[in-house]
Structures are given as C-alpha cells and as structure tokens.
Amino acid sequence: QLLHIKSFIGTSENAVMIQIWTALITILVLKYLKALAQYGWRLSNLVAFIRLNMFVKIDLQKWLDKPFDEPPEPVQKYIQGVLF
C-alpha cells in the first residue's frame, strides 16, 4: 500500500521484483530529500512539486529549502558581439 503500485506491467517474477525495487528506491530518495530540506515538506506535496519541476534546471538544494522564492537570473556564459 505504501508503494502505490496500482498494477504490475510485467507478469514474470523478475518484472514484478524490478517494479517493487524501483518503487522502494523512489520512496527512499523522496524521504531523504524531505529530511534534507529546511522547508517543512509533506511527502505528498514534495512528490507533486517534483513532478511539476521534473525537467526544470534548478539547484535542487536551494529549491528544497526555499521552494517559493524567485529563481535567480541565468548567467550568460558567452557574450555575442555585434556584427553590423
């Protein structure tokens, strides 16, 4: 019940074991991130916010500590000169 596996994709013993281990590892990583953060996250809220920000390039530790602060402006690595 804790792993929230609604149905198994594979039916072989190996497929079921892989899905169970993947769910266990995911829960452990999320609980570690929750313990690491200074902000008082609830686990369900942390999961929802991570889903929303999955492909956003941010500093994870800063975001975990202060999730509602404005992100810093990206620093330009290259300055393009004017040709004309």
PDB file of N, CA and C in Angstrom:
ATOM      1  N   GLN A   1       0.811  -1.190   0.000  1.00  0.00           N
ATOM      2  CA  GLN A   1       0.000   0.000   0.000  1.00  0.00           C
ATOM      3  C   GLN A   1       0.860   1.262   0.000  1.00  0.00           C
ATOM      4  N   LEU A   2       1.985   1.216   0.668  1.00  0.00           N
ATOM      5  CA  LEU A   2       2.859   2.381   0.741  1.00  0.00           C
ATOM      6  C   LEU A   2       3.508   2.684  -0.609  1.00  0.00           C
ATOM      7  N   LEU A   3       3.717   1.663  -1.421  1.00  0.00           N
ATOM      8  CA  LEU A   3       4.443   1.855  -2.677  1.00  0.00           C
ATOM      9  C   LEU A   3       3.570   2.407  -3.799  1.00  0.00           C
ATOM     10  N   HIS A   4       2.277   2.395  -3.640  1.00  0.00           N
ATOM     11  CA  HIS A   4       1.337   2.930  -4.631  1.00  0.00           C
ATOM     12  C   HIS A   4       1.512   2.292  -6.007  1.00  0.00           C
ATOM     13  N   ILE A   5       1.698   0.995  -6.037  1.00  0.00           N
ATOM     14  CA  ILE A   5       1.743   0.271  -7.304  1.00  0.00           C
ATOM     15  C   ILE A   5       0.317  -0.188  -7.595  1.00  0.00           C
ATOM     16  N   LYS A   6      -0.302   0.406  -8.620  1.00  0.00           N
ATOM     17  CA  LYS A   6      -1.692   0.083  -8.922  1.00  0.00           C
ATOM     18  C   LYS A   6      -1.815  -1.226  -9.680  1.00  0.00           C
ATOM     19  N   SER A   7      -0.922  -1.431 -10.612  1.00  0.00           N
ATOM     20  CA  SER A   7      -0.928  -2.697 -11.355  1.00  0.00           C
ATOM     21  C   SER A   7       0.491  -2.959 -11.835  1.00  0.00           C
ATOM     22  N   PHE A   8       0.789  -4.213 -12.021  1.00  0.00           N
ATOM     23  CA  PHE A   8       2.117  -4.588 -12.488  1.00  0.00           C
ATOM     24  C   PHE A   8       2.119  -4.646 -14.010  1.00  0.00           C
ATOM     25  N   ILE A   9       3.149  -4.058 -14.590  1.00  0.00           N
ATOM     26  CA  ILE A   9       3.249  -4.025 -16.050  1.00  0.00           C
ATOM     27  C   ILE A   9       3.636  -5.397 -16.581  1.00  0.00           C
ATOM     28  N   GLY A  10       4.624  -6.011 -15.941  1.00  0.00           N
ATOM     29  CA  GLY A  10       5.042  -7.351 -16.347  1.00  0.00           C
ATOM     30  C   GLY A  10       4.434  -8.398 -15.436  1.00  0.00           C
ATOM     31  N   THR A  11       4.443  -9.632 -15.904  1.00  0.00           N
ATOM     32  CA  THR A  11       3.841 -10.704 -15.097  1.00  0.00           C
ATOM     33  C   THR A  11       4.874 -11.702 -14.592  1.00  0.00           C
ATOM     34  N   SER A  12       6.084 -11.623 -15.112  1.00  0.00           N
ATOM     35  CA  SER A  12       7.101 -12.561 -14.648  1.00  0.00           C
ATOM     36  C   SER A  12       7.597 -12.150 -13.269  1.00  0.00           C
ATOM     37  N   GLU A  13       8.237 -13.069 -12.586  1.00  0.00           N
ATOM     38  CA  GLU A  13       8.755 -12.775 -11.248  1.00  0.00           C
ATOM     39  C   GLU A  13       9.777 -11.647 -11.300  1.00  0.00           C
ATOM     40  N   ASN A  14      10.634 -11.667 -12.312  1.00  0.00           N
ATOM     41  CA  ASN A  14      11.666 -10.641 -12.447  1.00  0.00           C
ATOM     42  C   ASN A  14      11.039  -9.260 -12.676  1.00  0.00           C
ATOM     43  N   ALA A  15      10.021  -9.170 -13.515  1.00  0.00           N
ATOM     44  CA  ALA A  15       9.374  -7.886 -13.793  1.00  0.00           C
ATOM     45  C   ALA A  15       8.712  -7.320 -12.539  1.00  0.00           C
ATOM     46  N   VAL A  16       8.058  -8.182 -11.771  1.00  0.00           N
ATOM     47  CA  VAL A  16       7.402  -7.736 -10.540  1.00  0.00           C
ATOM     48  C   VAL A  16       8.446  -7.270  -9.527  1.00  0.00           C
ATOM     49  N   MET A  17       9.536  -8.000  -9.386  1.00  0.00           N
ATOM     50  CA  MET A  17      10.590  -7.617  -8.441  1.00  0.00           C
ATOM     51  C   MET A  17      11.238  -6.290  -8.834  1.00  0.00           C
ATOM     52  N   ILE A  18      11.452  -6.074 -10.126  1.00  0.00           N
ATOM     53  CA  ILE A  18      12.035  -4.812 -10.591  1.00  0.00           C
ATOM     54  C   ILE A  18      11.117  -3.649 -10.248  1.00  0.00           C
ATOM     55  N   GLN A  19       9.813  -3.812 -10.453  1.00  0.00           N
ATOM     56  CA  GLN A  19       8.866  -2.737 -10.150  1.00  0.00           C
ATOM     57  C   GLN A  19       8.797  -2.462  -8.647  1.00  0.00           C
ATOM     58  N   ILE A  20       8.854  -3.490  -7.827  1.00  0.00           N
ATOM     59  CA  ILE A  20       8.828  -3.293  -6.381  1.00  0.00           C
ATOM     60  C   ILE A  20      10.095  -2.578  -5.914  1.00  0.00           C
ATOM     61  N   TRP A  21      11.251  -3.014  -6.396  1.00  0.00           N
ATOM     62  CA  TRP A  21      12.514  -2.378  -6.001  1.00  0.00           C
ATOM     63  C   TRP A  21      12.579  -0.929  -6.483  1.00  0.00           C
ATOM     64  N   THR A  22      12.080  -0.661  -7.680  1.00  0.00           N
ATOM     65  CA  THR A  22      12.068   0.709  -8.194  1.00  0.00           C
ATOM     66  C   THR A  22      11.191   1.601  -7.311  1.00  0.00           C
ATOM     67  N   ALA A  23      10.031   1.101  -6.905  1.00  0.00           N
ATOM     68  CA  ALA A  23       9.152   1.877  -6.029  1.00  0.00           C
ATOM     69  C   ALA A  23       9.799   2.103  -4.663  1.00  0.00           C
ATOM     70  N   LEU A  24      10.475   1.094  -4.122  1.00  0.00           N
ATOM     71  CA  LEU A  24      11.162   1.249  -2.838  1.00  0.00           C
ATOM     72  C   LEU A  24      12.276   2.290  -2.909  1.00  0.00           C
ATOM     73  N   ILE A  25      13.073   2.234  -3.956  1.00  0.00           N
ATOM     74  CA  ILE A  25      14.168   3.199  -4.124  1.00  0.00           C
ATOM     75  C   ILE A  25      13.608   4.611  -4.267  1.00  0.00           C
ATOM     76  N   THR A  26      12.519   4.757  -5.013  1.00  0.00           N
ATOM     77  CA  THR A  26      11.903   6.074  -5.193  1.00  0.00           C
ATOM     78  C   THR A  26      11.425   6.641  -3.860  1.00  0.00           C
ATOM     79  N   ILE A  27      10.759   5.819  -3.060  1.00  0.00           N
ATOM     80  CA  ILE A  27      10.286   6.275  -1.752  1.00  0.00           C
ATOM     81  C   ILE A  27      11.465   6.681  -0.862  1.00  0.00           C
ATOM     82  N   LEU A  28      12.537   5.885  -0.880  1.00  0.00           N
ATOM     83  CA  LEU A  28      13.704   6.212  -0.050  1.00  0.00           C
ATOM     84  C   LEU A  28      14.359   7.526  -0.477  1.00  0.00           C
ATOM     85  N   VAL A  29      14.486   7.758  -1.781  1.00  0.00           N
ATOM     86  CA  VAL A  29      15.083   9.006  -2.270  1.00  0.00           C
ATOM     87  C   VAL A  29      14.211  10.195  -1.883  1.00  0.00           C
ATOM     88  N   LEU A  30      12.899  10.047  -2.017  1.00  0.00           N
ATOM     89  CA  LEU A  30      11.998  11.144  -1.649  1.00  0.00           C
ATOM     90  C   LEU A  30      12.046  11.440  -0.151  1.00  0.00           C
ATOM     91  N   LYS A  31      12.098  10.408   0.669  1.00  0.00           N
ATOM     92  CA  LYS A  31      12.195  10.628   2.116  1.00  0.00           C
ATOM     93  C   LYS A  31      13.529  11.257   2.486  1.00  0.00           C
ATOM     94  N   TYR A  32      14.595  10.900   1.772  1.00  0.00           N
ATOM     95  CA  TYR A  32      15.899  11.522   2.012  1.00  0.00           C
ATOM     96  C   TYR A  32      15.856  13.005   1.648  1.00  0.00           C
ATOM     97  N   LEU A  33      15.253  13.343   0.510  1.00  0.00           N
ATOM     98  CA  LEU A  33      15.139  14.741   0.110  1.00  0.00           C
ATOM     99  C   LEU A  33      14.302  15.519   1.110  1.00  0.00           C
ATOM    100  N   LYS A  34      13.233  14.911   1.622  1.00  0.00           N
ATOM    101  CA  LYS A  34      12.394  15.560   2.629  1.00  0.00           C
ATOM    102  C   LYS A  34      13.183  15.832   3.904  1.00  0.00           C
ATOM    103  N   ALA A  35      13.996  14.876   4.327  1.00  0.00           N
ATOM    104  CA  ALA A  35      14.807  15.052   5.531  1.00  0.00           C
ATOM    105  C   ALA A  35      15.912  16.078   5.323  1.00  0.00           C
ATOM    106  N   LEU A  36      16.403  16.197   4.107  1.00  0.00           N
ATOM    107  CA  LEU A  36      17.481  17.118   3.789  1.00  0.00           C
ATOM    108  C   LEU A  36      17.014  18.576   3.725  1.00  0.00           C
ATOM    109  N   ALA A  37      15.753  18.775   3.373  1.00  0.00           N
ATOM    110  CA  ALA A  37      15.227  20.124   3.157  1.00  0.00           C
ATOM    111  C   ALA A  37      14.980  20.854   4.465  1.00  0.00           C
ATOM    112  N   GLN A  38      15.161  22.173   4.425  1.00  0.00           N
ATOM    113  CA  GLN A  38      14.858  23.012   5.578  1.00  0.00           C
ATOM    114  C   GLN A  38      13.381  23.387   5.613  1.00  0.00           C
ATOM    115  N   TYR A  39      12.741  23.407   4.460  1.00  0.00           N
ATOM    116  CA  TYR A  39      11.314  23.710   4.366  1.00  0.00           C
ATOM    117  C   TYR A  39      10.520  22.511   4.888  1.00  0.00           C
ATOM    118  N   GLY A  40       9.396  22.753   5.536  1.00  0.00           N
ATOM    119  CA  GLY A  40       8.597  21.675   6.120  1.00  0.00           C
ATOM    120  C   GLY A  40       7.701  20.988   5.111  1.00  0.00           C
ATOM    121  N   TRP A  41       8.294  20.180   4.252  1.00  0.00           N
ATOM    122  CA  TRP A  41       7.543  19.492   3.205  1.00  0.00           C
ATOM    123  C   TRP A  41       6.694  18.365   3.779  1.00  0.00           C
ATOM    124  N   ARG A  42       5.538  18.161   3.212  1.00  0.00           N
ATOM    125  CA  ARG A  42       4.794  16.920   3.361  1.00  0.00           C
ATOM    126  C   ARG A  42       5.211  16.059   2.175  1.00  0.00           C
ATOM    127  N   LEU A  43       5.273  14.756   2.378  1.00  0.00           N
ATOM    128  CA  LEU A  43       5.779  13.877   1.325  1.00  0.00           C
ATOM    129  C   LEU A  43       4.923  13.961   0.063  1.00  0.00           C
ATOM    130  N   SER A  44       3.613  14.027   0.211  1.00  0.00           N
ATOM    131  CA  SER A  44       2.736  14.100  -0.962  1.00  0.00           C
ATOM    132  C   SER A  44       2.935  15.412  -1.725  1.00  0.00           C
ATOM    133  N   ASN A  45       3.138  16.512  -0.990  1.00  0.00           N
ATOM    134  CA  ASN A  45       3.390  17.801  -1.650  1.00  0.00           C
ATOM    135  C   ASN A  45       4.732  17.799  -2.362  1.00  0.00           C
ATOM    136  N   LEU A  46       5.738  17.200  -1.732  1.00  0.00           N
ATOM    137  CA  LEU A  46       7.054  17.120  -2.359  1.00  0.00           C
ATOM    138  C   LEU A  46       6.991  16.328  -3.657  1.00  0.00           C
ATOM    139  N   VAL A  47       6.270  15.221  -3.641  1.00  0.00           N
ATOM    140  CA  VAL A  47       6.119  14.405  -4.857  1.00  0.00           C
ATOM    141  C   VAL A  47       5.426  15.209  -5.948  1.00  0.00           C
ATOM    142  N   ALA A  48       4.366  15.932  -5.599  1.00  0.00           N
ATOM    143  CA  ALA A  48       3.633  16.720  -6.596  1.00  0.00           C
ATOM    144  C   ALA A  48       4.503  17.823  -7.183  1.00  0.00           C
ATOM    145  N   PHE A  49       5.263  18.529  -6.340  1.00  0.00           N
ATOM    146  CA  PHE A  49       6.105  19.614  -6.834  1.00  0.00           C
ATOM    147  C   PHE A  49       7.276  19.083  -7.653  1.00  0.00           C
ATOM    148  N   ILE A  50       7.806  17.936  -7.292  1.00  0.00           N
ATOM    149  CA  ILE A  50       8.894  17.364  -8.091  1.00  0.00           C
ATOM    150  C   ILE A  50       8.369  16.934  -9.458  1.00  0.00           C
ATOM    151  N   ARG A  51       7.162  16.415  -9.513  1.00  0.00           N
ATOM    152  CA  ARG A  51       6.561  16.073 -10.815  1.00  0.00           C
ATOM    153  C   ARG A  51       6.422  17.303 -11.694  1.00  0.00           C
ATOM    154  N   LEU A  52       6.030  18.429 -11.095  1.00  0.00           N
ATOM    155  CA  LEU A  52       5.868  19.664 -11.865  1.00  0.00           C
ATOM    156  C   LEU A  52       7.202  20.219 -12.357  1.00  0.00           C
ATOM    157  N   ASN A  53       8.247  20.032 -11.574  1.00  0.00           N
ATOM    158  CA  ASN A  53       9.554  20.615 -11.891  1.00  0.00           C
ATOM    159  C   ASN A  53      10.561  19.583 -12.359  1.00  0.00           C
ATOM    160  N   MET A  54      10.092  18.475 -12.880  1.00  0.00           N
ATOM    161  CA  MET A  54      10.975  17.369 -13.249  1.00  0.00           C
ATOM    162  C   MET A  54      12.037  17.787 -14.278  1.00  0.00           C
ATOM    163  N   PHE A  55      11.654  18.565 -15.259  1.00  0.00           N
ATOM    164  CA  PHE A  55      12.582  18.890 -16.339  1.00  0.00           C
ATOM    165  C   PHE A  55      13.045  20.347 -16.294  1.00  0.00           C
ATOM    166  N   VAL A  56      12.952  20.964 -15.122  1.00  0.00           N
ATOM    167  CA  VAL A  56      13.424  22.331 -14.939  1.00  0.00           C
ATOM    168  C   VAL A  56      14.830  22.263 -14.353  1.00  0.00           C
ATOM    169  N   LYS A  57      15.732  23.013 -14.949  1.00  0.00           N
ATOM    170  CA  LYS A  57      17.116  23.002 -14.477  1.00  0.00           C
ATOM    171  C   LYS A  57      17.256  24.007 -13.328  1.00  0.00           C
ATOM    172  N   ILE A  58      17.298  23.479 -12.096  1.00  0.00           N
ATOM    173  CA  ILE A  58      17.410  24.308 -10.909  1.00  0.00           C
ATOM    174  C   ILE A  58      18.398  23.657  -9.948  1.00  0.00           C
ATOM    175  N   ASP A  59      18.840  24.456  -8.976  1.00  0.00           N
ATOM    176  CA  ASP A  59      19.665  23.918  -7.903  1.00  0.00           C
ATOM    177  C   ASP A  59      18.714  23.244  -6.915  1.00  0.00           C
ATOM    178  N   LEU A  60      18.765  21.936  -6.814  1.00  0.00           N
ATOM    179  CA  LEU A  60      17.799  21.175  -6.041  1.00  0.00           C
ATOM    180  C   LEU A  60      17.823  21.542  -4.570  1.00  0.00           C
ATOM    181  N   GLN A  61      18.997  21.705  -3.983  1.00  0.00           N
ATOM    182  CA  GLN A  61      19.075  22.020  -2.553  1.00  0.00           C
ATOM    183  C   GLN A  61      18.449  23.374  -2.248  1.00  0.00           C
ATOM    184  N   LYS A  62      18.729  24.370  -3.074  1.00  0.00           N
ATOM    185  CA  LYS A  62      18.134  25.691  -2.853  1.00  0.00           C
ATOM    186  C   LYS A  62      16.627  25.640  -3.028  1.00  0.00           C
ATOM    187  N   TRP A  63      16.175  24.888  -4.013  1.00  0.00           N
ATOM    188  CA  TRP A  63      14.740  24.782  -4.250  1.00  0.00           C
ATOM    189  C   TRP A  63      14.042  24.045  -3.112  1.00  0.00           C
ATOM    190  N   LEU A  64      14.669  22.992  -2.578  1.00  0.00           N
ATOM    191  CA  LEU A  64      14.074  22.266  -1.456  1.00  0.00           C
ATOM    192  C   LEU A  64      13.952  23.139  -0.220  1.00  0.00           C
ATOM    193  N   ASP A  65      14.941  24.013   0.001  1.00  0.00           N
ATOM    194  CA  ASP A  65      14.934  24.874   1.178  1.00  0.00           C
ATOM    195  C   ASP A  65      13.959  26.042   1.032  1.00  0.00           C
ATOM    196  N   LYS A  66      13.916  26.645  -0.156  1.00  0.00           N
ATOM    197  CA  LYS A  66      13.057  27.810  -0.392  1.00  0.00           C
ATOM    198  C   LYS A  66      12.323  27.629  -1.720  1.00  0.00           C
ATOM    199  N   PRO A  67      11.256  26.834  -1.731  1.00  0.00           N
ATOM    200  CA  PRO A  67      10.603  26.500  -2.998  1.00  0.00           C
ATOM    201  C   PRO A  67       9.821  27.645  -3.632  1.00  0.00           C
ATOM    202  N   PHE A  68       9.439  28.660  -2.864  1.00  0.00           N
ATOM    203  CA  PHE A  68       8.586  29.706  -3.413  1.00  0.00           C
ATOM    204  C   PHE A  68       9.325  31.011  -3.676  1.00  0.00           C
ATOM    205  N   ASP A  69      10.642  31.017  -3.563  1.00  0.00           N
ATOM    206  CA  ASP A  69      11.429  32.193  -3.911  1.00  0.00           C
ATOM    207  C   ASP A  69      11.600  32.264  -5.424  1.00  0.00           C
ATOM    208  N   GLU A  70      11.815  33.469  -5.907  1.00  0.00           N
ATOM    209  CA  GLU A  70      12.067  33.651  -7.340  1.00  0.00           C
ATOM    210  C   GLU A  70      13.404  33.027  -7.711  1.00  0.00           C
ATOM    211  N   PRO A  71      13.468  32.297  -8.821  1.00  0.00           N
ATOM    212  CA  PRO A  71      14.762  31.729  -9.231  1.00  0.00           C
ATOM    213  C   PRO A  71      15.694  32.829  -9.716  1.00  0.00           C
ATOM    214  N   PRO A  72      16.994  32.648  -9.531  1.00  0.00           N
ATOM    215  CA  PRO A  72      17.942  33.680  -9.997  1.00  0.00           C
ATOM    216  C   PRO A  72      17.996  33.708 -11.522  1.00  0.00           C
ATOM    217  N   GLU A  73      18.371  34.859 -12.032  1.00  0.00           N
ATOM    218  CA  GLU A  73      18.516  35.009 -13.478  1.00  0.00           C
ATOM    219  C   GLU A  73      19.689  34.156 -13.953  1.00  0.00           C
ATOM    220  N   PRO A  74      19.541  33.470 -15.095  1.00  0.00           N
ATOM    221  CA  PRO A  74      20.654  32.664 -15.600  1.00  0.00           C
ATOM    222  C   PRO A  74      21.816  33.546 -16.038  1.00  0.00           C
ATOM    223  N   VAL A  75      23.016  33.112 -15.755  1.00  0.00           N
ATOM    224  CA  VAL A  75      24.222  33.848 -16.116  1.00  0.00           C
ATOM    225  C   VAL A  75      24.612  33.473 -17.539  1.00  0.00           C
ATOM    226  N   GLN A  76      24.835  34.497 -18.370  1.00  0.00           N
ATOM    227  CA  GLN A  76      25.253  34.225 -19.736  1.00  0.00           C
ATOM    228  C   GLN A  76      26.727  33.849 -19.744  1.00  0.00           C
ATOM    229  N   LYS A  77      27.009  32.706 -20.352  1.00  0.00           N
ATOM    230  CA  LYS A  77      28.394  32.252 -20.410  1.00  0.00           C
ATOM    231  C   LYS A  77      29.137  32.891 -21.578  1.00  0.00           C
ATOM    232  N   TYR A  78      28.406  33.171 -22.648  1.00  0.00           N
ATOM    233  CA  TYR A  78      29.039  33.711 -23.841  1.00  0.00           C
ATOM    234  C   TYR A  78      28.411  35.049 -24.185  1.00  0.00           C
ATOM    235  N   ILE A  79      29.243  35.990 -24.534  1.00  0.00           N
ATOM    236  CA  ILE A  79      28.757  37.294 -24.968  1.00  0.00           C
ATOM    237  C   ILE A  79      28.996  37.388 -26.461  1.00  0.00           C
ATOM    238  N   GLN A  80      27.879  37.530 -27.189  1.00  0.00           N
ATOM    239  CA  GLN A  80      27.985  37.595 -28.639  1.00  0.00           C
ATOM    240  C   GLN A  80      28.188  39.040 -29.074  1.00  0.00           C
ATOM    241  N   GLY A  81      29.177  39.239 -29.892  1.00  0.00           N
ATOM    242  CA  GLY A  81      29.456  40.578 -30.398  1.00  0.00           C
ATOM    243  C   GLY A  81      28.511  40.973 -31.516  1.00  0.00           C
ATOM    244  N   VAL A  82      28.425  42.278 -31.773  1.00  0.00           N
ATOM    245  CA  VAL A  82      27.575  42.800 -32.830  1.00  0.00           C
ATOM    246  C   VAL A  82      28.366  42.764 -34.128  1.00  0.00           C
ATOM    247  N   LEU A  83      27.771  42.206 -35.180  1.00  0.00           N
ATOM    248  CA  LEU A  83      28.454  42.094 -36.468  1.00  0.00           C
ATOM    249  C   LEU A  83      28.245  43.314 -37.337  1.00  0.00           C
ATOM    250  N   PHE A  84      27.098  43.951 -37.270  1.00  0.00           N
ATOM    251  CA  PHE A  84      26.804  45.070 -38.162  1.00  0.00           C
ATOM    252  C   PHE A  84      26.458  46.297 -37.376  1.00  0.00           C
TER     253      PHE A  84
END
